[in-house]
Structures are given as C-alpha cells and as structure tokens.
Amino acid sequence: MSKFTIATRESRLAMWQAEHVQAILTNMGHSVSILGMTTLGDQIQDRALSQVGGKGLFTKELEVALEDGSADLAVHSLKDVPMELPEGFNLACVMEREDPRDAFVSPHYANLVALPLGAVLGTSSLRRTVLLRALRPDLKIIPLRGNLDTRLRKLDEGQYDAIVLAAAGLKRLKLEARIRDIFEPEVMLPAAGQGALGIEVRNDGAEVTAAVTPLIHEPTWLAVAAERAVSRAMGGSCSMPLAAYATLQGEVLTINAAWGDIHAKLPLVRACETGPVSDQASAAALGLRVAEALMAGVLAQGGSLEHLDKADLLGL
C-alpha cells in the first residue's frame, strides 16, 4: 500500500473531483488524503483571467505543493490546465470524459432561442462568447466569474437572464435539474479538454504515476491530445476564442475546431480533419493539421496571425 496526498482547489466541484480520484485509489488499496488549497485564480474575481495571468492561476499553487512534497498528485479539470506544463511536471493520466457539452441554465427561459431580444447572458468563456454571438448577435453577453455555485447564485439573484456552464460540472454535483437545455457540439463546440479530468505529477513521481496508470482512459486521452494540440499550435490561452472537440470511432479520430473574433470584425472560422490515430503523437499531429487550417482560414478572412494574440481580449 502506498500513501498519497492529492492537491486540489477548494471549490465544491474541485473537491468532488479530488474525492472521486481518492475513492478509486483507495479501492485499489492505497491510502489517500486530500490537501485543499485556494489558488490565485479563485481569489481574483473582478478581472478577466487574460488580464492577470491566465489558466495557470488555477494550477500554480498546486504545483508548488507538488514541488515541495506537500502533495504527490494534483487533480484538474483538463480544460483549466495550460497547454504547456512547467518544467519538472507532466500529465500522468487523463480519465474518462464526462459530458463535454455546454449547458444553458435559466430560471425563466427554456433555451437560447426563447431569450427575449437584448437579454443578458453570462459566461466566463471567450469561446462561448464568440459562438453565442454568432447564434444570437442581439444578446448582451457579459462576463461571469466565480466557481460554479457562485455563478448559479448570481443567476438566481437576477443579475443574468441566463448563463452557460459546462454540463460536466453540473452533472458531477448532481445539479442536472438546473440544466434547461444542452448545446450539441455542432451548435456550440466545446473547449479543448472540456469534461475530462487530468492528473498532474512531478516527473520524478514514478510511484504515483504507476498508481494512477489504471485510471487512464485511452480514447479520452487520444481525443484531448488532438484538441490540446490545436490550442497549443494556435497559442491557446485565456485570450484565445478557440473551440476544439474530437471524437473517436474505432481508430478514426474526427476533430472539429472553431476560432472567432471577439471584436466581431471577422466571421467564425471553422476547420475539421478526420484520420486514423494509434497514439497521442498521431492524435496531436491531426490536431496540428486542424490548427493549420484554422490559421489559413483566418488569413483568408483578412485577419493576421498577430490578430490571434490580442492582449486586450476578455478571459475564459
């Protein structure tokens, strides 16, 4: 039996994720404790992530705990994990994906179509902003920060007519009743890694790496490897209005991606690639082909590669 400590954010959803991994490892015969931590990303609620450091704000403190030995592994929502991990750390496991789709949540309206003209819709995601704007350009889309419970509270207080959240988080916390409608991927593409859990460890953590290996879900890892490759190639960050979603049928992976202009000067650019994959490298190569097609599409619309990296964009 091995003893491990999981580092996690202290939000209710993050704790559920850590406890989920804890339960699995415990059933495998390990002794597992949880170290709850408040990250800088949790503390800063009044500014967009792109303005204060990006997704890494949700992982930095956890990585410090890994580095100093306070913890052996960190459990993350994969869509919150930066495309490049700091030196000395690696992604040891990607677990089976929950529902990757986005959910429409509203106390008064059944779906996006039912919202009245000019309704106020909240989202924390730049990706969702550009995709929603393409569907309903009349809506007033305003930023929504905070953990899942905070966002639902703000909705219930009447600050928004509706909000859009990841379906996975609502389902994991048994809040499915709050979901009024689900956006199918062909309507609103998910973010890279959405719905999947990733386990981060130190490069020298051979024992914990071996322990979490049985938790790997290879089809999910192949899909998210392609998705994250798109984001990595595009410079994906919190200031990137980018969607990427892959599905695996047998050994054939199909990946769809979309990029939008937050300033609404360029139309949505979409790309899709399908091909056989046998490992993460081939999945990532397919994702790179999609990124290249997206870049070509942006240029064809009169944009520029510099346009992809504007620093004044709102954060995810």
C-alpha atoms as a PDB file:
ATOM      1  CA  MET A   1       0.000   0.000   0.000  1.00  0.00           C
ATOM      2  CA  SER A   2       1.233   3.486  -0.871  1.00  0.00           C
ATOM      3  CA  LYS A   3       0.353   6.768   0.809  1.00  0.00           C
ATOM      4  CA  PHE A   4      -0.502   9.707  -1.450  1.00  0.00           C
ATOM      5  CA  THR A   5      -1.772  13.249  -0.989  1.00  0.00           C
ATOM      6  CA  ILE A   6      -3.933  14.933  -3.614  1.00  0.00           C
ATOM      7  CA  ALA A   7      -3.635  18.692  -4.053  1.00  0.00           C
ATOM      8  CA  THR A   8      -6.835  20.374  -5.182  1.00  0.00           C
ATOM      9  CA  ARG A   9      -8.643  23.667  -5.283  1.00  0.00           C
ATOM     10  CA  GLU A  10     -11.243  24.035  -2.544  1.00  0.00           C
ATOM     11  CA  SER A  11     -14.292  24.737  -4.692  1.00  0.00           C
ATOM     12  CA  ARG A  12     -17.075  22.204  -4.339  1.00  0.00           C
ATOM     13  CA  LEU A  13     -16.537  20.881  -7.856  1.00  0.00           C
ATOM     14  CA  ALA A  14     -12.766  20.614  -7.466  1.00  0.00           C
ATOM     15  CA  MET A  15     -13.215  18.776  -4.165  1.00  0.00           C
ATOM     16  CA  TRP A  16     -15.661  16.369  -5.824  1.00  0.00           C
ATOM     17  CA  GLN A  17     -13.054  15.642  -8.471  1.00  0.00           C
ATOM     18  CA  ALA A  18     -10.327  15.034  -5.898  1.00  0.00           C
ATOM     19  CA  GLU A  19     -12.608  12.837  -3.798  1.00  0.00           C
ATOM     20  CA  HIS A  20     -13.548  10.873  -6.911  1.00  0.00           C
ATOM     21  CA  VAL A  21      -9.886  10.068  -7.563  1.00  0.00           C
ATOM     22  CA  GLN A  22      -9.322   9.425  -3.858  1.00  0.00           C
ATOM     23  CA  ALA A  23     -12.111   6.850  -3.787  1.00  0.00           C
ATOM     24  CA  ILE A  24     -10.753   4.987  -6.797  1.00  0.00           C
ATOM     25  CA  LEU A  25      -7.209   4.892  -5.451  1.00  0.00           C
ATOM     26  CA  THR A  26      -8.456   3.857  -2.005  1.00  0.00           C
ATOM     27  CA  ASN A  27     -10.369   0.967  -3.550  1.00  0.00           C
ATOM     28  CA  MET A  28      -7.110  -0.064  -5.206  1.00  0.00           C
ATOM     29  CA  GLY A  29      -5.521  -0.365  -1.764  1.00  0.00           C
ATOM     30  CA  HIS A  30      -3.753   2.981  -1.411  1.00  0.00           C
ATOM     31  CA  SER A  31      -4.016   5.409   1.487  1.00  0.00           C
ATOM     32  CA  VAL A  32      -5.008   8.803   0.081  1.00  0.00           C
ATOM     33  CA  SER A  33      -5.515  12.182   1.751  1.00  0.00           C
ATOM     34  CA  ILE A  34      -6.608  15.499   0.258  1.00  0.00           C
ATOM     35  CA  LEU A  35      -4.912  18.879   0.584  1.00  0.00           C
ATOM     36  CA  GLY A  36      -7.393  21.633  -0.238  1.00  0.00           C
ATOM     37  CA  MET A  37      -5.915  24.906  -1.438  1.00  0.00           C
ATOM     38  CA  THR A  38      -7.160  28.323  -2.567  1.00  0.00           C
ATOM     39  CA  THR A  39      -5.453  29.407  -5.767  1.00  0.00           C
ATOM     40  CA  LEU A  40      -4.879  32.919  -7.031  1.00  0.00           C
ATOM     41  CA  GLY A  41      -7.368  32.221  -9.794  1.00  0.00           C
ATOM     42  CA  ASP A  42     -10.013  31.558  -7.137  1.00  0.00           C
ATOM     43  CA  GLN A  43      -9.153  34.742  -5.269  1.00  0.00           C
ATOM     44  CA  ILE A  44      -9.307  37.133  -8.227  1.00  0.00           C
ATOM     45  CA  GLN A  45     -12.958  37.518  -9.184  1.00  0.00           C
ATOM     46  CA  ASP A  46     -13.131  41.071 -10.573  1.00  0.00           C
ATOM     47  CA  ARG A  47     -10.874  40.729 -13.624  1.00  0.00           C
ATOM     48  CA  ALA A  48     -10.634  38.506 -16.659  1.00  0.00           C
ATOM     49  CA  LEU A  49      -8.045  35.730 -16.416  1.00  0.00           C
ATOM     50  CA  SER A  50      -6.217  37.017 -19.505  1.00  0.00           C
ATOM     51  CA  GLN A  51      -5.541  40.249 -17.640  1.00  0.00           C
ATOM     52  CA  VAL A  52      -3.961  38.595 -14.600  1.00  0.00           C
ATOM     53  CA  GLY A  53      -2.056  35.545 -15.786  1.00  0.00           C
ATOM     54  CA  GLY A  54      -4.373  33.065 -17.481  1.00  0.00           C
ATOM     55  CA  LYS A  55      -5.274  29.474 -16.631  1.00  0.00           C
ATOM     56  CA  GLY A  56      -2.019  28.900 -14.779  1.00  0.00           C
ATOM     57  CA  LEU A  57      -3.515  30.847 -11.876  1.00  0.00           C
ATOM     58  CA  PHE A  58      -5.600  27.761 -11.081  1.00  0.00           C
ATOM     59  CA  THR A  59      -2.647  25.374 -11.053  1.00  0.00           C
ATOM     60  CA  LYS A  60       0.386  27.274  -9.737  1.00  0.00           C
ATOM     61  CA  GLU A  61      -0.239  26.797  -6.024  1.00  0.00           C
ATOM     62  CA  LEU A  62      -0.991  23.128  -6.556  1.00  0.00           C
ATOM     63  CA  GLU A  63       2.298  22.725  -8.415  1.00  0.00           C
ATOM     64  CA  VAL A  64       4.134  24.391  -5.534  1.00  0.00           C
ATOM     65  CA  ALA A  65       2.630  21.744  -3.237  1.00  0.00           C
ATOM     66  CA  LEU A  66       3.839  19.034  -5.609  1.00  0.00           C
ATOM     67  CA  GLU A  67       7.280  20.563  -5.807  1.00  0.00           C
ATOM     68  CA  ASP A  68       7.799  20.893  -2.055  1.00  0.00           C
ATOM     69  CA  GLY A  69       6.434  17.423  -1.349  1.00  0.00           C
ATOM     70  CA  SER A  70       3.240  18.516   0.404  1.00  0.00           C
ATOM     71  CA  ALA A  71       1.312  16.625  -2.263  1.00  0.00           C
ATOM     72  CA  ASP A  72       2.015  13.805  -4.695  1.00  0.00           C
ATOM     73  CA  LEU A  73      -0.583  14.481  -7.379  1.00  0.00           C
ATOM     74  CA  ALA A  74      -2.970  17.233  -8.420  1.00  0.00           C
ATOM     75  CA  VAL A  75      -6.388  16.676  -9.970  1.00  0.00           C
ATOM     76  CA  HIS A  76      -7.518  19.254 -12.529  1.00  0.00           C
ATOM     77  CA  SER A  77     -10.373  19.941 -14.876  1.00  0.00           C
ATOM     78  CA  LEU A  78      -8.345  19.424 -18.014  1.00  0.00           C
ATOM     79  CA  LYS A  79      -9.732  22.500 -19.762  1.00  0.00           C
ATOM     80  CA  ASP A  80      -8.139  24.576 -16.972  1.00  0.00           C
ATOM     81  CA  VAL A  81      -4.673  23.066 -17.482  1.00  0.00           C
ATOM     82  CA  PRO A  82      -2.253  25.229 -19.509  1.00  0.00           C
ATOM     83  CA  MET A  83      -1.119  23.725 -22.813  1.00  0.00           C
ATOM     84  CA  GLU A  84       2.485  23.697 -21.587  1.00  0.00           C
ATOM     85  CA  LEU A  85       3.225  22.494 -18.063  1.00  0.00           C
ATOM     86  CA  PRO A  86       6.165  23.939 -16.115  1.00  0.00           C
ATOM     87  CA  GLU A  87       9.455  22.084 -16.268  1.00  0.00           C
ATOM     88  CA  GLY A  88       9.514  19.164 -13.875  1.00  0.00           C
ATOM     89  CA  PHE A  89       5.809  18.295 -14.196  1.00  0.00           C
ATOM     90  CA  ASN A  90       3.804  16.104 -16.509  1.00  0.00           C
ATOM     91  CA  LEU A  91       0.286  14.891 -17.156  1.00  0.00           C
ATOM     92  CA  ALA A  92       0.312  11.309 -15.898  1.00  0.00           C
ATOM     93  CA  CYS A  93      -3.313  10.460 -16.550  1.00  0.00           C
ATOM     94  CA  VAL A  94      -6.419  11.576 -18.408  1.00  0.00           C
ATOM     95  CA  MET A  95      -9.575   9.947 -17.071  1.00  0.00           C
ATOM     96  CA  GLU A  96     -12.785   9.053 -18.877  1.00  0.00           C
ATOM     97  CA  ARG A  97     -14.646  12.099 -20.038  1.00  0.00           C
ATOM     98  CA  GLU A  98     -17.962  13.261 -18.625  1.00  0.00           C
ATOM     99  CA  ASP A  99     -20.414  15.109 -20.863  1.00  0.00           C
ATOM    100  CA  PRO A 100     -18.227  17.564 -22.862  1.00  0.00           C
ATOM    101  CA  ARG A 101     -21.115  19.816 -23.903  1.00  0.00           C
ATOM    102  CA  ASP A 102     -22.212  23.248 -22.724  1.00  0.00           C
ATOM    103  CA  ALA A 103     -25.436  23.717 -20.764  1.00  0.00           C
ATOM    104  CA  PHE A 104     -27.993  26.524 -20.924  1.00  0.00           C
ATOM    105  CA  VAL A 105     -29.170  27.480 -17.434  1.00  0.00           C
ATOM    106  CA  SER A 106     -32.019  29.897 -16.778  1.00  0.00           C
ATOM    107  CA  PRO A 107     -34.829  30.225 -14.228  1.00  0.00           C
ATOM    108  CA  HIS A 108     -37.253  31.646 -16.795  1.00  0.00           C
ATOM    109  CA  TYR A 109     -36.296  30.593 -20.331  1.00  0.00           C
ATOM    110  CA  ALA A 110     -36.199  27.112 -21.858  1.00  0.00           C
ATOM    111  CA  ASN A 111     -33.355  27.651 -24.300  1.00  0.00           C
ATOM    112  CA  LEU A 112     -31.276  30.199 -26.167  1.00  0.00           C
ATOM    113  CA  VAL A 113     -33.992  30.791 -28.773  1.00  0.00           C
ATOM    114  CA  ALA A 114     -36.518  31.646 -26.061  1.00  0.00           C
ATOM    115  CA  LEU A 115     -34.444  34.526 -24.663  1.00  0.00           C
ATOM    116  CA  PRO A 116     -36.002  37.915 -25.484  1.00  0.00           C
ATOM    117  CA  LEU A 117     -34.187  40.454 -27.630  1.00  0.00           C
ATOM    118  CA  GLY A 118     -31.330  42.075 -25.722  1.00  0.00           C
ATOM    119  CA  ALA A 119     -31.422  39.593 -22.863  1.00  0.00           C
ATOM    120  CA  VAL A 120     -28.416  39.436 -20.545  1.00  0.00           C
ATOM    121  CA  LEU A 121     -26.406  36.227 -20.771  1.00  0.00           C
ATOM    122  CA  GLY A 122     -23.409  35.439 -18.580  1.00  0.00           C
ATOM    123  CA  THR A 123     -20.379  33.343 -19.412  1.00  0.00           C
ATOM    124  CA  SER A 124     -16.802  33.073 -18.218  1.00  0.00           C
ATOM    125  CA  SER A 125     -15.639  31.855 -21.611  1.00  0.00           C
ATOM    126  CA  LEU A 126     -14.388  33.845 -24.561  1.00  0.00           C
ATOM    127  CA  ARG A 127     -15.026  30.767 -26.698  1.00  0.00           C
ATOM    128  CA  ARG A 128     -18.659  30.729 -25.645  1.00  0.00           C
ATOM    129  CA  THR A 129     -18.916  34.474 -26.213  1.00  0.00           C
ATOM    130  CA  VAL A 130     -17.985  34.305 -29.889  1.00  0.00           C
ATOM    131  CA  LEU A 131     -20.068  31.183 -30.546  1.00  0.00           C
ATOM    132  CA  LEU A 132     -23.114  32.586 -28.763  1.00  0.00           C
ATOM    133  CA  ARG A 133     -22.738  35.888 -30.570  1.00  0.00           C
ATOM    134  CA  ALA A 134     -22.842  34.023 -33.872  1.00  0.00           C
ATOM    135  CA  LEU A 135     -26.111  32.372 -32.777  1.00  0.00           C
ATOM    136  CA  ARG A 136     -27.741  35.399 -31.119  1.00  0.00           C
ATOM    137  CA  PRO A 137     -26.000  38.684 -32.003  1.00  0.00           C
ATOM    138  CA  ASP A 138     -28.716  40.677 -30.210  1.00  0.00           C
ATOM    139  CA  LEU A 139     -27.867  39.357 -26.746  1.00  0.00           C
ATOM    140  CA  LYS A 140     -25.923  41.326 -24.166  1.00  0.00           C
ATOM    141  CA  ILE A 141     -23.161  38.899 -23.193  1.00  0.00           C
ATOM    142  CA  ILE A 142     -21.328  39.918 -20.035  1.00  0.00           C
ATOM    143  CA  PRO A 143     -18.517  38.283 -18.013  1.00  0.00           C
ATOM    144  CA  LEU A 144     -19.338  35.798 -15.271  1.00  0.00           C
ATOM    145  CA  ARG A 145     -16.542  34.804 -12.880  1.00  0.00           C
ATOM    146  CA  GLY A 146     -16.531  32.606  -9.809  1.00  0.00           C
ATOM    147  CA  ASN A 147     -16.910  28.933  -9.040  1.00  0.00           C
ATOM    148  CA  LEU A 148     -19.985  27.035 -10.159  1.00  0.00           C
ATOM    149  CA  ASP A 149     -22.013  27.774  -7.022  1.00  0.00           C
ATOM    150  CA  THR A 150     -21.160  31.477  -7.217  1.00  0.00           C
ATOM    151  CA  ARG A 151     -22.272  31.648 -10.838  1.00  0.00           C
ATOM    152  CA  LEU A 152     -25.573  29.966 -10.054  1.00  0.00           C
ATOM    153  CA  ARG A 153     -26.131  32.345  -7.140  1.00  0.00           C
ATOM    154  CA  LYS A 154     -25.566  35.369  -9.377  1.00  0.00           C
ATOM    155  CA  LEU A 155     -28.102  33.961 -11.832  1.00  0.00           C
ATOM    156  CA  ASP A 156     -30.651  33.379  -9.060  1.00  0.00           C
ATOM    157  CA  GLU A 157     -30.112  36.936  -7.815  1.00  0.00           C
ATOM    158  CA  GLY A 158     -31.306  38.212 -11.179  1.00  0.00           C
ATOM    159  CA  GLN A 159     -28.002  39.540 -12.472  1.00  0.00           C
ATOM    160  CA  TYR A 160     -28.469  37.493 -15.664  1.00  0.00           C
ATOM    161  CA  ASP A 161     -31.386  36.151 -17.692  1.00  0.00           C
ATOM    162  CA  ALA A 162     -29.377  33.015 -18.421  1.00  0.00           C
ATOM    163  CA  ILE A 163     -25.862  31.637 -18.087  1.00  0.00           C
ATOM    164  CA  VAL A 164     -23.909  28.960 -19.931  1.00  0.00           C
ATOM    165  CA  LEU A 165     -21.874  26.402 -17.969  1.00  0.00           C
ATOM    166  CA  ALA A 166     -20.086  23.140 -18.641  1.00  0.00           C
ATOM    167  CA  ALA A 167     -22.596  20.307 -18.369  1.00  0.00           C
ATOM    168  CA  ALA A 168     -19.974  18.080 -16.734  1.00  0.00           C
ATOM    169  CA  GLY A 169     -19.686  20.181 -13.601  1.00  0.00           C
ATOM    170  CA  LEU A 170     -23.435  20.369 -13.111  1.00  0.00           C
ATOM    171  CA  LYS A 171     -23.788  16.620 -13.553  1.00  0.00           C
ATOM    172  CA  ARG A 172     -20.914  15.797 -11.211  1.00  0.00           C
ATOM    173  CA  LEU A 173     -22.521  17.863  -8.466  1.00  0.00           C
ATOM    174  CA  LYS A 174     -25.957  16.348  -9.188  1.00  0.00           C
ATOM    175  CA  LEU A 175     -27.317  19.692 -10.363  1.00  0.00           C
ATOM    176  CA  GLU A 176     -28.764  18.338 -13.611  1.00  0.00           C
ATOM    177  CA  ALA A 177     -32.119  19.868 -12.673  1.00  0.00           C
ATOM    178  CA  ARG A 178     -30.617  23.313 -13.293  1.00  0.00           C
ATOM    179  CA  ILE A 179     -29.966  22.444 -16.951  1.00  0.00           C
ATOM    180  CA  ARG A 180     -32.720  23.764 -19.220  1.00  0.00           C
ATOM    181  CA  ASP A 181     -31.070  22.851 -22.499  1.00  0.00           C
ATOM    182  CA  ILE A 182     -27.899  21.263 -23.850  1.00  0.00           C
ATOM    183  CA  PHE A 183     -25.923  22.691 -26.762  1.00  0.00           C
ATOM    184  CA  GLU A 184     -24.955  19.913 -29.142  1.00  0.00           C
ATOM    185  CA  PRO A 185     -21.341  20.161 -30.376  1.00  0.00           C
ATOM    186  CA  GLU A 186     -22.452  21.005 -33.905  1.00  0.00           C
ATOM    187  CA  VAL A 187     -24.196  24.087 -32.463  1.00  0.00           C
ATOM    188  CA  MET A 188     -21.545  25.137 -29.943  1.00  0.00           C
ATOM    189  CA  LEU A 189     -18.187  23.370 -29.974  1.00  0.00           C
ATOM    190  CA  PRO A 190     -16.729  22.595 -26.537  1.00  0.00           C
ATOM    191  CA  ALA A 191     -13.366  23.783 -25.262  1.00  0.00           C
ATOM    192  CA  ALA A 192     -10.296  21.588 -25.554  1.00  0.00           C
ATOM    193  CA  GLY A 193     -10.397  19.017 -22.755  1.00  0.00           C
ATOM    194  CA  GLN A 194     -13.847  20.005 -21.505  1.00  0.00           C
ATOM    195  CA  GLY A 195     -15.404  17.324 -19.303  1.00  0.00           C
ATOM    196  CA  ALA A 196     -12.140  15.409 -18.779  1.00  0.00           C
ATOM    197  CA  LEU A 197     -10.059  15.158 -15.609  1.00  0.00           C
ATOM    198  CA  GLY A 198      -6.273  15.248 -15.712  1.00  0.00           C
ATOM    199  CA  ILE A 199      -3.808  14.153 -13.047  1.00  0.00           C
ATOM    200  CA  GLU A 200      -0.542  16.085 -12.794  1.00  0.00           C
ATOM    201  CA  VAL A 201       2.566  14.719 -11.074  1.00  0.00           C
ATOM    202  CA  ARG A 202       6.249  15.513 -10.759  1.00  0.00           C
ATOM    203  CA  ASN A 203       8.480  13.997 -13.415  1.00  0.00           C
ATOM    204  CA  ASP A 204      10.238  12.006 -10.695  1.00  0.00           C
ATOM    205  CA  GLY A 205       6.964  10.678  -9.238  1.00  0.00           C
ATOM    206  CA  ALA A 206       7.328   7.143 -10.571  1.00  0.00           C
ATOM    207  CA  GLU A 207       5.334   5.532  -7.762  1.00  0.00           C
ATOM    208  CA  VAL A 208       2.306   7.791  -8.091  1.00  0.00           C
ATOM    209  CA  THR A 209       2.498   7.601 -11.885  1.00  0.00           C
ATOM    210  CA  ALA A 210       2.272   3.817 -11.666  1.00  0.00           C
ATOM    211  CA  ALA A 211      -0.638   4.099  -9.231  1.00  0.00           C
ATOM    212  CA  VAL A 212      -2.755   6.325 -11.497  1.00  0.00           C
ATOM    213  CA  THR A 213      -1.980   4.452 -14.728  1.00  0.00           C
ATOM    214  CA  PRO A 214      -5.040   2.167 -14.317  1.00  0.00           C
ATOM    215  CA  LEU A 215      -7.223   5.312 -14.251  1.00  0.00           C
ATOM    216  CA  ILE A 216      -6.210   6.258 -17.799  1.00  0.00           C
ATOM    217  CA  HIS A 217      -8.981   6.225 -20.389  1.00  0.00           C
ATOM    218  CA  GLU A 218      -7.124   5.952 -23.660  1.00  0.00           C
ATOM    219  CA  PRO A 219      -9.953   7.047 -26.010  1.00  0.00           C
ATOM    220  CA  THR A 220     -10.413  10.234 -23.990  1.00  0.00           C
ATOM    221  CA  TRP A 221      -6.670  10.891 -23.901  1.00  0.00           C
ATOM    222  CA  LEU A 222      -6.379  10.498 -27.669  1.00  0.00           C
ATOM    223  CA  ALA A 223      -9.258  12.921 -28.206  1.00  0.00           C
ATOM    224  CA  VAL A 224      -7.953  15.567 -25.830  1.00  0.00           C
ATOM    225  CA  ALA A 225      -4.394  15.174 -27.169  1.00  0.00           C
ATOM    226  CA  ALA A 226      -5.736  16.288 -30.550  1.00  0.00           C
ATOM    227  CA  GLU A 227      -7.786  19.100 -29.016  1.00  0.00           C
ATOM    228  CA  ARG A 228      -4.913  20.424 -26.933  1.00  0.00           C
ATOM    229  CA  ALA A 229      -2.617  20.253 -29.968  1.00  0.00           C
ATOM    230  CA  VAL A 230      -4.968  22.632 -31.783  1.00  0.00           C
ATOM    231  CA  SER A 231      -4.933  25.020 -28.855  1.00  0.00           C
ATOM    232  CA  ARG A 232      -1.168  24.762 -28.378  1.00  0.00           C
ATOM    233  CA  ALA A 233      -0.476  25.493 -32.055  1.00  0.00           C
ATOM    234  CA  MET A 234      -2.839  28.447 -32.045  1.00  0.00           C
ATOM    235  CA  GLY A 235      -1.211  29.872 -28.932  1.00  0.00           C
ATOM    236  CA  GLY A 236      -4.272  28.824 -26.986  1.00  0.00           C
ATOM    237  CA  SER A 237      -4.767  30.642 -23.723  1.00  0.00           C
ATOM    238  CA  CYS A 238      -7.450  32.542 -21.872  1.00  0.00           C
ATOM    239  CA  SER A 239      -7.217  35.255 -24.521  1.00  0.00           C
ATOM    240  CA  MET A 240      -7.960  32.819 -27.334  1.00  0.00           C
ATOM    241  CA  PRO A 241     -11.579  32.487 -28.566  1.00  0.00           C
ATOM    242  CA  LEU A 242     -10.984  28.900 -29.614  1.00  0.00           C
ATOM    243  CA  ALA A 243     -13.037  25.686 -29.584  1.00  0.00           C
ATOM    244  CA  ALA A 244     -11.721  22.196 -30.300  1.00  0.00           C
ATOM    245  CA  TYR A 245     -13.569  18.922 -29.910  1.00  0.00           C
ATOM    246  CA  ALA A 246     -12.598  15.433 -31.065  1.00  0.00           C
ATOM    247  CA  THR A 247     -14.464  12.121 -31.168  1.00  0.00           C
ATOM    248  CA  LEU A 248     -13.016   8.651 -31.672  1.00  0.00           C
ATOM    249  CA  GLN A 249     -14.765   5.898 -33.609  1.00  0.00           C
ATOM    250  CA  GLY A 250     -12.638   2.772 -33.552  1.00  0.00           C
ATOM    251  CA  GLU A 251      -9.223   4.020 -34.634  1.00  0.00           C
ATOM    252  CA  VAL A 252     -10.559   7.017 -36.586  1.00  0.00           C
ATOM    253  CA  LEU A 253     -10.480  10.422 -34.916  1.00  0.00           C
ATOM    254  CA  THR A 254     -12.567  13.361 -36.105  1.00  0.00           C
ATOM    255  CA  ILE A 255     -11.703  16.783 -34.758  1.00  0.00           C
ATOM    256  CA  ASN A 256     -13.662  19.974 -35.260  1.00  0.00           C
ATOM    257  CA  ALA A 257     -12.367  23.387 -34.283  1.00  0.00           C
ATOM    258  CA  ALA A 258     -13.551  26.978 -34.498  1.00  0.00           C
ATOM    259  CA  TRP A 259     -11.992  30.380 -33.927  1.00  0.00           C
ATOM    260  CA  GLY A 260     -13.894  33.640 -33.517  1.00  0.00           C
ATOM    261  CA  ASP A 261     -13.048  37.308 -33.397  1.00  0.00           C
ATOM    262  CA  ILE A 262     -14.060  38.833 -30.066  1.00  0.00           C
ATOM    263  CA  HIS A 263     -14.336  42.212 -31.794  1.00  0.00           C
ATOM    264  CA  ALA A 264     -16.855  40.739 -34.276  1.00  0.00           C
ATOM    265  CA  LYS A 265     -14.943  42.092 -37.258  1.00  0.00           C
ATOM    266  CA  LEU A 266     -14.315  38.658 -38.771  1.00  0.00           C
ATOM    267  CA  PRO A 267     -16.728  35.756 -39.213  1.00  0.00           C
ATOM    268  CA  LEU A 268     -16.252  32.464 -37.409  1.00  0.00           C
ATOM    269  CA  VAL A 269     -13.565  30.277 -38.925  1.00  0.00           C
ATOM    270  CA  ARG A 270     -14.107  26.510 -38.761  1.00  0.00           C
ATOM    271  CA  ALA A 271     -11.954  23.510 -39.632  1.00  0.00           C
ATOM    272  CA  CYS A 272     -12.358  19.741 -39.484  1.00  0.00           C
ATOM    273  CA  GLU A 273      -9.983  16.824 -40.013  1.00  0.00           C
ATOM    274  CA  THR A 274     -10.515  13.067 -39.834  1.00  0.00           C
ATOM    275  CA  GLY A 275      -7.858  10.392 -39.802  1.00  0.00           C
ATOM    276  CA  PRO A 276      -6.576   7.194 -38.187  1.00  0.00           C
ATOM    277  CA  VAL A 277      -4.748   7.551 -34.889  1.00  0.00           C
ATOM    278  CA  SER A 278      -2.783   4.988 -32.934  1.00  0.00           C
ATOM    279  CA  ASP A 279      -1.203   7.039 -30.164  1.00  0.00           C
ATOM    280  CA  GLN A 280      -1.054  10.515 -28.670  1.00  0.00           C
ATOM    281  CA  ALA A 281       1.554  11.643 -31.185  1.00  0.00           C
ATOM    282  CA  SER A 282      -0.632  10.810 -34.184  1.00  0.00           C
ATOM    283  CA  ALA A 283      -3.644  12.397 -32.477  1.00  0.00           C
ATOM    284  CA  ALA A 284      -1.635  15.556 -31.845  1.00  0.00           C
ATOM    285  CA  ALA A 285      -0.481  15.567 -35.464  1.00  0.00           C
ATOM    286  CA  LEU A 286      -4.115  15.532 -36.592  1.00  0.00           C
ATOM    287  CA  GLY A 287      -4.821  18.424 -34.249  1.00  0.00           C
ATOM    288  CA  LEU A 288      -1.927  20.350 -35.753  1.00  0.00           C
ATOM    289  CA  ARG A 289      -3.446  19.927 -39.215  1.00  0.00           C
ATOM    290  CA  VAL A 290      -6.685  21.454 -37.915  1.00  0.00           C
ATOM    291  CA  ALA A 291      -4.768  24.374 -36.399  1.00  0.00           C
ATOM    292  CA  GLU A 292      -3.026  24.998 -39.713  1.00  0.00           C
ATOM    293  CA  ALA A 293      -6.405  25.016 -41.472  1.00  0.00           C
ATOM    294  CA  LEU A 294      -7.769  27.475 -38.911  1.00  0.00           C
ATOM    295  CA  MET A 295      -4.790  29.781 -39.366  1.00  0.00           C
ATOM    296  CA  ALA A 296      -5.245  29.652 -43.128  1.00  0.00           C
ATOM    297  CA  GLY A 297      -8.916  30.488 -42.651  1.00  0.00           C
ATOM    298  CA  VAL A 298      -8.129  33.499 -40.502  1.00  0.00           C
ATOM    299  CA  LEU A 299      -5.719  34.804 -43.136  1.00  0.00           C
ATOM    300  CA  ALA A 300      -8.289  34.189 -45.872  1.00  0.00           C
ATOM    301  CA  GLN A 301     -10.782  36.345 -43.958  1.00  0.00           C
ATOM    302  CA  GLY A 302      -8.321  39.205 -43.891  1.00  0.00           C
ATOM    303  CA  GLY A 303      -7.078  38.597 -40.389  1.00  0.00           C
ATOM    304  CA  SER A 304      -3.487  38.108 -39.308  1.00  0.00           C
ATOM    305  CA  LEU A 305      -1.624  35.752 -37.031  1.00  0.00           C
ATOM    306  CA  GLU A 306      -0.910  38.708 -34.769  1.00  0.00           C
ATOM    307  CA  HIS A 307      -4.678  39.164 -34.578  1.00  0.00           C
ATOM    308  CA  LEU A 308      -4.843  35.823 -32.774  1.00  0.00           C
ATOM    309  CA  ASP A 309      -2.855  37.095 -29.814  1.00  0.00           C
ATOM    310  CA  LYS A 310      -4.508  40.410 -28.936  1.00  0.00           C
ATOM    311  CA  ALA A 311      -3.761  41.162 -25.312  1.00  0.00           C
ATOM    312  CA  ASP A 312      -6.961  43.132 -24.715  1.00  0.00           C
ATOM    313  CA  LEU A 313      -9.302  40.147 -25.078  1.00  0.00           C
ATOM    314  CA  LEU A 314     -11.548  39.047 -22.247  1.00  0.00           C
ATOM    315  CA  GLY A 315     -10.515  35.884 -20.423  1.00  0.00           C
ATOM    316  CA  LEU A 316     -12.029  32.440 -20.390  1.00  0.00           C
END
